[in-house]
Amino acid sequence: MAIVEEVHEESDVIASVENLKKEGNTKFGEGEWSAAAEKYKEALELCPVENDLLRSILFSNLSAAYIKQALWEAAVEAATNAIEVRVIRFSTTFAFYALCCHYTGFSSPILSNVPNEKALER
């Protein structure tokens, strides 16, 4: 019975995380960037570390909420966490990361490995 209880507890936690993410997405859609960020942070606190896909999505969403508030350093940190947790939704997360680096003047080793347009023309 303990195994079944653990499975139910885990699914309840994931359901709570998904609900918080949904609330964050709603707040984001309403232009309430700070409230959205808080929901994503609450979800990250509950989200199991081993659920790297969900954590990556939450960090990516958090980065987007920070970008909307022009909180560039926080956005870089959240985008970096999304990339480190799991390279999923890579192009979106990478775009957030690059935008934040541009506004902060942060020189990123990640960005230095990306070929530029002129290099791709060769």
N, C-alpha and C. Protein backbone atom coordinates (compact mmCIF):
# COMPACT_ATOMS: atom_id res chain seq x y z
N MET A 1 0.81 -1.20 0.00
CA MET A 1 0.00 0.00 0.00
C MET A 1 0.85 1.27 0.00
N ALA A 2 2.02 1.22 0.58
CA ALA A 2 2.87 2.41 0.64
C ALA A 2 3.28 2.87 -0.75
N ILE A 3 3.53 1.91 -1.64
CA ILE A 3 3.93 2.26 -3.00
C ILE A 3 2.79 2.99 -3.71
N VAL A 4 1.59 2.49 -3.56
CA VAL A 4 0.43 3.13 -4.18
C VAL A 4 0.24 4.54 -3.62
N GLU A 5 0.39 4.68 -2.30
CA GLU A 5 0.25 6.00 -1.69
C GLU A 5 1.30 6.97 -2.23
N GLU A 6 2.53 6.49 -2.40
CA GLU A 6 3.59 7.34 -2.93
C GLU A 6 3.28 7.80 -4.35
N VAL A 7 2.73 6.90 -5.16
CA VAL A 7 2.38 7.25 -6.53
C VAL A 7 1.29 8.31 -6.53
N HIS A 8 0.29 8.13 -5.66
CA HIS A 8 -0.79 9.12 -5.56
C HIS A 8 -0.25 10.46 -5.08
N GLU A 9 0.66 10.43 -4.09
CA GLU A 9 1.24 11.67 -3.58
C GLU A 9 2.02 12.39 -4.68
N GLU A 10 2.79 11.62 -5.45
CA GLU A 10 3.58 12.22 -6.53
C GLU A 10 2.66 12.81 -7.60
N SER A 11 1.61 12.08 -7.97
CA SER A 11 0.71 12.61 -8.99
C SER A 11 -0.04 13.83 -8.48
N ASP A 12 -0.33 13.88 -7.17
CA ASP A 12 -0.95 15.07 -6.58
C ASP A 12 -0.01 16.26 -6.65
N VAL A 13 1.27 16.03 -6.39
CA VAL A 13 2.26 17.10 -6.46
C VAL A 13 2.36 17.62 -7.89
N ILE A 14 2.45 16.72 -8.85
CA ILE A 14 2.54 17.12 -10.26
C ILE A 14 1.28 17.88 -10.67
N ALA A 15 0.13 17.43 -10.21
CA ALA A 15 -1.12 18.14 -10.52
C ALA A 15 -1.09 19.55 -9.95
N SER A 16 -0.56 19.69 -8.74
CA SER A 16 -0.44 21.02 -8.12
C SER A 16 0.52 21.91 -8.91
N VAL A 17 1.63 21.32 -9.34
CA VAL A 17 2.62 22.07 -10.13
C VAL A 17 1.99 22.51 -11.45
N GLU A 18 1.31 21.60 -12.12
CA GLU A 18 0.66 21.93 -13.39
C GLU A 18 -0.39 23.03 -13.21
N ASN A 19 -1.13 22.97 -12.09
CA ASN A 19 -2.14 23.98 -11.81
C ASN A 19 -1.48 25.36 -11.61
N LEU A 20 -0.38 25.39 -10.85
CA LEU A 20 0.34 26.65 -10.65
C LEU A 20 0.90 27.18 -11.97
N LYS A 21 1.40 26.28 -12.80
CA LYS A 21 1.90 26.70 -14.12
C LYS A 21 0.76 27.30 -14.95
N LYS A 22 -0.39 26.65 -14.92
CA LYS A 22 -1.55 27.16 -15.65
C LYS A 22 -1.96 28.54 -15.13
N GLU A 23 -1.96 28.71 -13.81
CA GLU A 23 -2.28 30.01 -13.22
C GLU A 23 -1.26 31.06 -13.66
N GLY A 24 0.01 30.66 -13.69
CA GLY A 24 1.05 31.57 -14.16
C GLY A 24 0.84 31.96 -15.62
N ASN A 25 0.48 30.98 -16.44
CA ASN A 25 0.23 31.26 -17.85
C ASN A 25 -0.95 32.21 -18.03
N THR A 26 -1.98 32.04 -17.19
CA THR A 26 -3.13 32.94 -17.24
C THR A 26 -2.71 34.36 -16.88
N LYS A 27 -1.95 34.48 -15.78
CA LYS A 27 -1.47 35.80 -15.36
C LYS A 27 -0.59 36.43 -16.45
N PHE A 28 0.26 35.62 -17.06
CA PHE A 28 1.12 36.10 -18.14
C PHE A 28 0.27 36.64 -19.28
N GLY A 29 -0.75 35.87 -19.67
CA GLY A 29 -1.64 36.28 -20.75
C GLY A 29 -2.40 37.56 -20.45
N GLU A 30 -2.61 37.82 -19.16
CA GLU A 30 -3.31 39.04 -18.73
C GLU A 30 -2.36 40.22 -18.55
N GLY A 31 -1.08 39.98 -18.80
CA GLY A 31 -0.09 41.05 -18.65
C GLY A 31 0.35 41.29 -17.22
N GLU A 32 0.04 40.35 -16.34
CA GLU A 32 0.45 40.46 -14.94
C GLU A 32 1.75 39.68 -14.75
N TRP A 33 2.83 40.27 -15.25
CA TRP A 33 4.13 39.58 -15.32
C TRP A 33 4.65 39.18 -13.95
N SER A 34 4.57 40.06 -12.98
CA SER A 34 5.08 39.76 -11.64
C SER A 34 4.30 38.62 -11.00
N ALA A 35 2.99 38.65 -11.13
CA ALA A 35 2.15 37.58 -10.57
C ALA A 35 2.44 36.25 -11.28
N ALA A 36 2.67 36.32 -12.59
CA ALA A 36 3.01 35.11 -13.34
C ALA A 36 4.33 34.53 -12.83
N ALA A 37 5.32 35.39 -12.63
CA ALA A 37 6.62 34.93 -12.13
C ALA A 37 6.48 34.26 -10.77
N GLU A 38 5.65 34.83 -9.91
CA GLU A 38 5.44 34.23 -8.58
C GLU A 38 4.83 32.84 -8.69
N LYS A 39 3.88 32.67 -9.59
CA LYS A 39 3.25 31.34 -9.79
C LYS A 39 4.28 30.34 -10.31
N TYR A 40 5.12 30.76 -11.25
CA TYR A 40 6.14 29.86 -11.77
C TYR A 40 7.15 29.49 -10.69
N LYS A 41 7.50 30.45 -9.83
CA LYS A 41 8.44 30.16 -8.73
C LYS A 41 7.81 29.20 -7.72
N GLU A 42 6.53 29.40 -7.42
CA GLU A 42 5.83 28.48 -6.51
C GLU A 42 5.83 27.07 -7.11
N ALA A 43 5.57 26.97 -8.40
CA ALA A 43 5.55 25.68 -9.06
C ALA A 43 6.93 25.02 -9.01
N LEU A 44 7.98 25.80 -9.21
CA LEU A 44 9.35 25.26 -9.15
C LEU A 44 9.70 24.74 -7.77
N GLU A 45 9.20 25.41 -6.73
CA GLU A 45 9.47 24.95 -5.37
C GLU A 45 8.84 23.58 -5.11
N LEU A 46 7.69 23.33 -5.70
CA LEU A 46 7.00 22.05 -5.51
C LEU A 46 7.47 20.96 -6.46
N CYS A 47 7.93 21.35 -7.63
CA CYS A 47 8.23 20.40 -8.69
C CYS A 47 9.40 19.49 -8.32
N PRO A 48 9.21 18.18 -8.43
CA PRO A 48 10.31 17.25 -8.13
C PRO A 48 11.52 17.50 -9.04
N VAL A 49 12.69 17.44 -8.45
CA VAL A 49 13.93 17.71 -9.18
C VAL A 49 14.08 16.77 -10.37
N GLU A 50 13.61 15.54 -10.24
CA GLU A 50 13.79 14.57 -11.31
C GLU A 50 12.86 14.82 -12.50
N ASN A 51 11.89 15.70 -12.36
CA ASN A 51 10.99 16.02 -13.48
C ASN A 51 11.62 17.17 -14.29
N ASP A 52 12.69 16.83 -15.00
CA ASP A 52 13.47 17.86 -15.69
C ASP A 52 12.70 18.55 -16.81
N LEU A 53 11.81 17.85 -17.48
CA LEU A 53 11.03 18.48 -18.55
C LEU A 53 10.16 19.60 -17.99
N LEU A 54 9.40 19.30 -16.96
CA LEU A 54 8.51 20.30 -16.37
C LEU A 54 9.31 21.46 -15.76
N ARG A 55 10.42 21.14 -15.10
CA ARG A 55 11.25 22.20 -14.51
C ARG A 55 11.83 23.11 -15.60
N SER A 56 12.24 22.53 -16.72
CA SER A 56 12.78 23.32 -17.81
C SER A 56 11.72 24.28 -18.37
N ILE A 57 10.51 23.78 -18.52
CA ILE A 57 9.40 24.62 -19.01
C ILE A 57 9.12 25.75 -18.03
N LEU A 58 9.10 25.43 -16.74
CA LEU A 58 8.83 26.45 -15.72
C LEU A 58 9.92 27.52 -15.71
N PHE A 59 11.18 27.10 -15.79
CA PHE A 59 12.27 28.08 -15.84
C PHE A 59 12.18 28.95 -17.10
N SER A 60 11.83 28.34 -18.22
CA SER A 60 11.68 29.10 -19.45
C SER A 60 10.55 30.12 -19.33
N ASN A 61 9.42 29.70 -18.77
CA ASN A 61 8.30 30.62 -18.55
C ASN A 61 8.68 31.74 -17.59
N LEU A 62 9.43 31.39 -16.55
CA LEU A 62 9.88 32.39 -15.58
C LEU A 62 10.78 33.41 -16.27
N SER A 63 11.65 32.94 -17.14
CA SER A 63 12.52 33.85 -17.89
C SER A 63 11.68 34.81 -18.73
N ALA A 64 10.66 34.30 -19.38
CA ALA A 64 9.79 35.16 -20.20
C ALA A 64 9.10 36.22 -19.34
N ALA A 65 8.65 35.83 -18.15
CA ALA A 65 7.99 36.79 -17.25
C ALA A 65 8.97 37.88 -16.81
N TYR A 66 10.22 37.48 -16.55
CA TYR A 66 11.24 38.46 -16.17
C TYR A 66 11.57 39.39 -17.34
N ILE A 67 11.62 38.85 -18.55
CA ILE A 67 11.89 39.68 -19.72
C ILE A 67 10.82 40.75 -19.86
N LYS A 68 9.57 40.38 -19.67
CA LYS A 68 8.48 41.35 -19.79
C LYS A 68 8.60 42.47 -18.76
N GLN A 69 9.31 42.20 -17.65
CA GLN A 69 9.51 43.20 -16.61
C GLN A 69 10.86 43.90 -16.74
N ALA A 70 11.61 43.55 -17.79
CA ALA A 70 12.96 44.08 -18.01
C ALA A 70 13.89 43.76 -16.84
N LEU A 71 13.68 42.62 -16.21
CA LEU A 71 14.56 42.13 -15.14
C LEU A 71 15.57 41.19 -15.78
N TRP A 72 16.51 41.79 -16.48
CA TRP A 72 17.40 41.05 -17.36
C TRP A 72 18.27 40.03 -16.65
N GLU A 73 18.87 40.39 -15.53
CA GLU A 73 19.75 39.45 -14.83
C GLU A 73 18.97 38.24 -14.32
N ALA A 74 17.79 38.48 -13.78
CA ALA A 74 16.94 37.37 -13.32
C ALA A 74 16.51 36.51 -14.50
N ALA A 75 16.24 37.16 -15.64
CA ALA A 75 15.84 36.43 -16.84
C ALA A 75 16.98 35.56 -17.36
N VAL A 76 18.20 36.09 -17.32
CA VAL A 76 19.37 35.29 -17.72
C VAL A 76 19.50 34.07 -16.83
N GLU A 77 19.37 34.27 -15.52
CA GLU A 77 19.50 33.16 -14.58
C GLU A 77 18.44 32.10 -14.84
N ALA A 78 17.19 32.52 -15.03
CA ALA A 78 16.12 31.56 -15.27
C ALA A 78 16.32 30.82 -16.60
N ALA A 79 16.73 31.54 -17.64
CA ALA A 79 16.98 30.90 -18.93
C ALA A 79 18.15 29.93 -18.84
N THR A 80 19.18 30.31 -18.11
CA THR A 80 20.33 29.42 -17.91
C THR A 80 19.89 28.15 -17.20
N ASN A 81 19.08 28.29 -16.16
CA ASN A 81 18.56 27.12 -15.45
C ASN A 81 17.75 26.23 -16.37
N ALA A 82 16.94 26.83 -17.24
CA ALA A 82 16.14 26.04 -18.18
C ALA A 82 17.03 25.22 -19.11
N ILE A 83 18.11 25.85 -19.57
CA ILE A 83 19.04 25.16 -20.46
C ILE A 83 19.78 24.06 -19.71
N GLU A 84 20.22 24.35 -18.49
CA GLU A 84 20.98 23.37 -17.72
C GLU A 84 20.12 22.18 -17.29
N VAL A 85 18.85 22.44 -16.97
CA VAL A 85 17.98 21.36 -16.51
C VAL A 85 17.71 20.38 -17.63
N ARG A 86 17.39 20.89 -18.79
CA ARG A 86 17.08 20.02 -19.92
C ARG A 86 17.04 20.85 -21.18
N VAL A 87 17.69 20.38 -22.17
CA VAL A 87 17.69 21.12 -23.42
C VAL A 87 16.41 20.75 -24.17
N ILE A 88 15.34 21.38 -23.76
CA ILE A 88 14.02 21.20 -24.37
C ILE A 88 13.47 22.59 -24.61
N ARG A 89 12.64 22.73 -25.59
CA ARG A 89 12.17 24.06 -25.98
C ARG A 89 13.40 24.94 -26.19
N PHE A 90 14.43 24.32 -26.70
CA PHE A 90 15.75 24.97 -26.77
C PHE A 90 15.71 26.30 -27.49
N SER A 91 15.06 26.36 -28.63
CA SER A 91 15.11 27.60 -29.41
C SER A 91 14.47 28.75 -28.66
N THR A 92 13.35 28.51 -27.98
CA THR A 92 12.69 29.57 -27.21
C THR A 92 13.56 30.00 -26.05
N THR A 93 14.03 29.04 -25.28
CA THR A 93 14.86 29.35 -24.12
C THR A 93 16.14 30.05 -24.56
N PHE A 94 16.73 29.57 -25.63
CA PHE A 94 17.96 30.17 -26.13
C PHE A 94 17.72 31.61 -26.57
N ALA A 95 16.58 31.86 -27.19
CA ALA A 95 16.26 33.23 -27.61
C ALA A 95 16.11 34.14 -26.40
N PHE A 96 15.46 33.64 -25.33
CA PHE A 96 15.33 34.42 -24.10
C PHE A 96 16.72 34.73 -23.54
N TYR A 97 17.56 33.72 -23.52
CA TYR A 97 18.91 33.85 -22.98
C TYR A 97 19.70 34.90 -23.77
N ALA A 98 19.64 34.80 -25.09
CA ALA A 98 20.38 35.74 -25.94
C ALA A 98 19.87 37.17 -25.75
N LEU A 99 18.57 37.33 -25.66
CA LEU A 99 17.99 38.66 -25.46
C LEU A 99 18.45 39.26 -24.14
N CYS A 100 18.44 38.46 -23.10
CA CYS A 100 18.88 38.93 -21.78
C CYS A 100 20.35 39.30 -21.80
N CYS A 101 21.16 38.49 -22.44
CA CYS A 101 22.59 38.79 -22.53
C CYS A 101 22.81 40.10 -23.28
N HIS A 102 22.04 40.32 -24.31
CA HIS A 102 22.15 41.57 -25.07
C HIS A 102 21.88 42.78 -24.17
N TYR A 103 20.80 42.72 -23.39
CA TYR A 103 20.43 43.87 -22.56
C TYR A 103 21.32 44.06 -21.35
N THR A 104 21.94 42.98 -20.86
CA THR A 104 22.82 43.12 -19.70
C THR A 104 24.27 43.34 -20.10
N GLY A 105 24.58 43.11 -21.38
CA GLY A 105 25.97 43.21 -21.81
C GLY A 105 26.78 42.01 -21.37
N PHE A 106 26.10 40.94 -20.95
CA PHE A 106 26.75 39.73 -20.47
C PHE A 106 27.37 38.99 -21.65
N SER A 107 28.65 38.70 -21.55
CA SER A 107 29.34 37.93 -22.57
C SER A 107 29.24 36.46 -22.21
N SER A 108 28.54 35.72 -23.01
CA SER A 108 28.23 34.34 -22.67
C SER A 108 29.09 33.35 -23.44
N PRO A 109 29.67 32.37 -22.73
CA PRO A 109 30.40 31.32 -23.44
C PRO A 109 29.45 30.47 -24.30
N ILE A 110 28.19 30.40 -23.90
CA ILE A 110 27.22 29.64 -24.70
C ILE A 110 27.02 30.33 -26.04
N LEU A 111 26.86 31.65 -26.02
CA LEU A 111 26.62 32.39 -27.26
C LEU A 111 27.85 32.43 -28.15
N SER A 112 29.03 32.36 -27.58
CA SER A 112 30.24 32.43 -28.40
C SER A 112 30.42 31.18 -29.25
N ASN A 113 29.72 30.10 -28.92
CA ASN A 113 29.82 28.86 -29.68
C ASN A 113 28.78 28.76 -30.79
N VAL A 114 27.92 29.76 -30.90
CA VAL A 114 26.87 29.74 -31.91
C VAL A 114 27.40 30.42 -33.17
N PRO A 115 27.28 29.74 -34.31
CA PRO A 115 27.76 30.37 -35.55
C PRO A 115 26.91 31.58 -35.89
N ASN A 116 27.56 32.63 -36.37
CA ASN A 116 26.80 33.80 -36.77
C ASN A 116 26.35 33.65 -38.22
N GLU A 117 25.55 34.58 -38.67
CA GLU A 117 24.97 34.51 -40.01
C GLU A 117 26.04 34.46 -41.10
N LYS A 118 27.11 35.26 -40.95
CA LYS A 118 28.17 35.28 -41.96
C LYS A 118 28.91 33.94 -42.02
N ALA A 119 29.09 33.33 -40.86
CA ALA A 119 29.77 32.03 -40.84
C ALA A 119 28.91 30.98 -41.53
N LEU A 120 27.60 31.10 -41.41
CA LEU A 120 26.71 30.12 -42.04
C LEU A 120 26.68 30.28 -43.56
N GLU A 121 26.98 31.48 -44.06
CA GLU A 121 26.97 31.73 -45.51
C GLU A 121 28.14 31.06 -46.21
N ARG A 122 29.19 30.77 -45.49
CA ARG A 122 30.40 30.18 -46.11
C ARG A 122 30.17 28.79 -46.61
